[in-house]
């Protein structure tokens, strides 16, 4: 598995979502780690490609889940995120599988 690279675009969007308006290298490094963990978790549970969280092929539902994951992670409550967003994660997995099945058939 290759390392998850956090683009400046995704970092900026996450900071905007979290209302982080200051520039600090240590805070950015911590947020990048949280983003990596969130992408890894959500991708593993849904099958969504790790490149689908930012850029021209953004899956906005996956990105929304990621940003909500960040809220819980920053509060030290990732277990609560897993409980509260279980149905959203399952729904995204089903959508992703259906979309990819239709691409591979057509």
C-alpha atoms as a PDB file:
ATOM      1  CA  UNK A   1       0.000   0.000   0.000  1.00  0.00           C
ATOM      2  CA  UNK A   2       1.430   3.350  -0.984  1.00  0.00           C
ATOM      3  CA  UNK A   3       1.647   6.296   1.370  1.00  0.00           C
ATOM      4  CA  UNK A   4      -1.314   8.639   1.381  1.00  0.00           C
ATOM      5  CA  UNK A   5      -0.232  12.061   0.151  1.00  0.00           C
ATOM      6  CA  UNK A   6      -2.224  15.020   1.450  1.00  0.00           C
ATOM      7  CA  UNK A   7      -2.508  17.714  -1.192  1.00  0.00           C
ATOM      8  CA  UNK A   8      -2.384  21.387  -0.306  1.00  0.00           C
ATOM      9  CA  UNK A   9      -5.921  21.656  -1.722  1.00  0.00           C
ATOM     10  CA  UNK A  10      -7.284  19.016   0.691  1.00  0.00           C
ATOM     11  CA  UNK A  11      -5.386  20.536   3.613  1.00  0.00           C
ATOM     12  CA  UNK A  12      -6.826  23.979   2.808  1.00  0.00           C
ATOM     13  CA  UNK A  13     -10.371  22.589   2.507  1.00  0.00           C
ATOM     14  CA  UNK A  14     -10.025  20.724   5.813  1.00  0.00           C
ATOM     15  CA  UNK A  15      -8.710  23.850   7.543  1.00  0.00           C
ATOM     16  CA  UNK A  16     -11.615  25.850   6.147  1.00  0.00           C
ATOM     17  CA  UNK A  17     -14.123  23.225   7.347  1.00  0.00           C
ATOM     18  CA  UNK A  18     -12.559  23.259  10.828  1.00  0.00           C
ATOM     19  CA  UNK A  19     -12.348  27.085  10.903  1.00  0.00           C
ATOM     20  CA  UNK A  20      -8.561  27.010  11.241  1.00  0.00           C
ATOM     21  CA  UNK A  21      -7.476  30.453  10.072  1.00  0.00           C
ATOM     22  CA  UNK A  22      -3.910  30.515  11.371  1.00  0.00           C
ATOM     23  CA  UNK A  23      -0.720  29.251   9.755  1.00  0.00           C
ATOM     24  CA  UNK A  24       1.356  26.879  11.855  1.00  0.00           C
ATOM     25  CA  UNK A  25       3.585  24.092  10.553  1.00  0.00           C
ATOM     26  CA  UNK A  26       3.078  21.879  13.614  1.00  0.00           C
ATOM     27  CA  UNK A  27      -0.711  22.196  13.403  1.00  0.00           C
ATOM     28  CA  UNK A  28      -0.603  21.462   9.671  1.00  0.00           C
ATOM     29  CA  UNK A  29       1.535  18.364  10.276  1.00  0.00           C
ATOM     30  CA  UNK A  30      -0.908  17.117  12.917  1.00  0.00           C
ATOM     31  CA  UNK A  31      -3.893  17.771  10.653  1.00  0.00           C
ATOM     32  CA  UNK A  32      -2.194  15.933   7.778  1.00  0.00           C
ATOM     33  CA  UNK A  33      -1.758  12.925  10.063  1.00  0.00           C
ATOM     34  CA  UNK A  34      -5.422  13.059  11.008  1.00  0.00           C
ATOM     35  CA  UNK A  35      -6.374  13.311   7.341  1.00  0.00           C
ATOM     36  CA  UNK A  36      -4.216  10.277   6.501  1.00  0.00           C
ATOM     37  CA  UNK A  37      -5.793   8.221   9.278  1.00  0.00           C
ATOM     38  CA  UNK A  38      -9.282   9.287   8.225  1.00  0.00           C
ATOM     39  CA  UNK A  39      -8.687   8.521   4.555  1.00  0.00           C
ATOM     40  CA  UNK A  40      -7.176   5.168   5.464  1.00  0.00           C
ATOM     41  CA  UNK A  41     -10.133   4.251   7.685  1.00  0.00           C
ATOM     42  CA  UNK A  42     -12.888   5.425   5.326  1.00  0.00           C
ATOM     43  CA  UNK A  43     -11.234   3.935   2.245  1.00  0.00           C
ATOM     44  CA  UNK A  44     -10.768   0.597   3.983  1.00  0.00           C
ATOM     45  CA  UNK A  45     -14.429   0.497   5.002  1.00  0.00           C
ATOM     46  CA  UNK A  46     -15.940   1.811   1.747  1.00  0.00           C
ATOM     47  CA  UNK A  47     -13.530   0.883  -1.011  1.00  0.00           C
ATOM     48  CA  UNK A  48     -13.345   4.534  -2.102  1.00  0.00           C
ATOM     49  CA  UNK A  49      -9.991   5.192  -3.759  1.00  0.00           C
ATOM     50  CA  UNK A  50      -7.606   7.232  -1.615  1.00  0.00           C
ATOM     51  CA  UNK A  51      -7.306   9.794  -4.415  1.00  0.00           C
ATOM     52  CA  UNK A  52     -11.057  10.570  -4.349  1.00  0.00           C
ATOM     53  CA  UNK A  53     -10.938  13.038  -1.454  1.00  0.00           C
ATOM     54  CA  UNK A  54      -9.707  16.072  -3.403  1.00  0.00           C
ATOM     55  CA  UNK A  55      -9.042  17.221  -6.936  1.00  0.00           C
ATOM     56  CA  UNK A  56     -11.131  17.056 -10.066  1.00  0.00           C
ATOM     57  CA  UNK A  57     -12.528  13.583  -9.257  1.00  0.00           C
ATOM     58  CA  UNK A  58     -13.575  14.381  -5.698  1.00  0.00           C
ATOM     59  CA  UNK A  59     -16.185  12.126  -4.158  1.00  0.00           C
ATOM     60  CA  UNK A  60     -17.936  14.751  -2.053  1.00  0.00           C
ATOM     61  CA  UNK A  61     -19.713  12.213   0.156  1.00  0.00           C
ATOM     62  CA  UNK A  62     -16.380  10.609   1.046  1.00  0.00           C
ATOM     63  CA  UNK A  63     -14.884  14.047   1.654  1.00  0.00           C
ATOM     64  CA  UNK A  64     -17.802  14.983   3.921  1.00  0.00           C
ATOM     65  CA  UNK A  65     -17.276  11.795   5.937  1.00  0.00           C
ATOM     66  CA  UNK A  66     -13.568  12.574   6.152  1.00  0.00           C
ATOM     67  CA  UNK A  67     -14.172  16.075   7.470  1.00  0.00           C
ATOM     68  CA  UNK A  68     -16.641  14.758  10.047  1.00  0.00           C
ATOM     69  CA  UNK A  69     -14.039  12.143  11.004  1.00  0.00           C
ATOM     70  CA  UNK A  70     -11.652  15.041  11.662  1.00  0.00           C
ATOM     71  CA  UNK A  71     -14.114  16.638  14.076  1.00  0.00           C
ATOM     72  CA  UNK A  72     -14.331  13.424  16.074  1.00  0.00           C
ATOM     73  CA  UNK A  73     -10.592  12.752  15.890  1.00  0.00           C
ATOM     74  CA  UNK A  74      -9.768  16.225  17.175  1.00  0.00           C
ATOM     75  CA  UNK A  75     -12.153  15.594  20.091  1.00  0.00           C
ATOM     76  CA  UNK A  76     -10.594  12.193  20.834  1.00  0.00           C
ATOM     77  CA  UNK A  77     -13.818  10.396  19.930  1.00  0.00           C
ATOM     78  CA  UNK A  78     -13.064   8.328  16.809  1.00  0.00           C
ATOM     79  CA  UNK A  79     -14.957   5.367  18.314  1.00  0.00           C
ATOM     80  CA  UNK A  80     -18.056   7.569  18.490  1.00  0.00           C
ATOM     81  CA  UNK A  81     -17.569   8.551  14.826  1.00  0.00           C
ATOM     82  CA  UNK A  82     -17.532   4.868  13.870  1.00  0.00           C
ATOM     83  CA  UNK A  83     -20.797   4.329  15.717  1.00  0.00           C
ATOM     84  CA  UNK A  84     -22.560   7.504  14.560  1.00  0.00           C
ATOM     85  CA  UNK A  85     -21.552   7.218  10.886  1.00  0.00           C
ATOM     86  CA  UNK A  86     -21.819   3.460  10.397  1.00  0.00           C
ATOM     87  CA  UNK A  87     -24.883   3.714   8.143  1.00  0.00           C
ATOM     88  CA  UNK A  88     -23.275   6.514   6.100  1.00  0.00           C
ATOM     89  CA  UNK A  89     -20.165   4.406   5.605  1.00  0.00           C
ATOM     90  CA  UNK A  90     -22.221   1.375   4.537  1.00  0.00           C
ATOM     91  CA  UNK A  91     -24.253   3.556   2.172  1.00  0.00           C
ATOM     92  CA  UNK A  92     -21.124   4.994   0.585  1.00  0.00           C
ATOM     93  CA  UNK A  93     -19.678   1.500   0.178  1.00  0.00           C
ATOM     94  CA  UNK A  94     -22.811   0.353  -1.659  1.00  0.00           C
ATOM     95  CA  UNK A  95     -22.829   3.435  -3.912  1.00  0.00           C
ATOM     96  CA  UNK A  96     -19.124   3.013  -4.679  1.00  0.00           C
ATOM     97  CA  UNK A  97     -19.521  -0.688  -5.510  1.00  0.00           C
ATOM     98  CA  UNK A  98     -22.513  -0.037  -7.774  1.00  0.00           C
ATOM     99  CA  UNK A  99     -20.744   2.805  -9.577  1.00  0.00           C
ATOM    100  CA  UNK A 100     -17.628   0.738 -10.133  1.00  0.00           C
ATOM    101  CA  UNK A 101     -19.573  -2.344 -11.200  1.00  0.00           C
ATOM    102  CA  UNK A 102     -21.386  -0.367 -13.883  1.00  0.00           C
ATOM    103  CA  UNK A 103     -18.057   1.090 -15.100  1.00  0.00           C
ATOM    104  CA  UNK A 104     -16.456  -2.329 -15.403  1.00  0.00           C
ATOM    105  CA  UNK A 105     -19.471  -3.761 -17.257  1.00  0.00           C
ATOM    106  CA  UNK A 106     -19.920  -0.912 -19.680  1.00  0.00           C
END
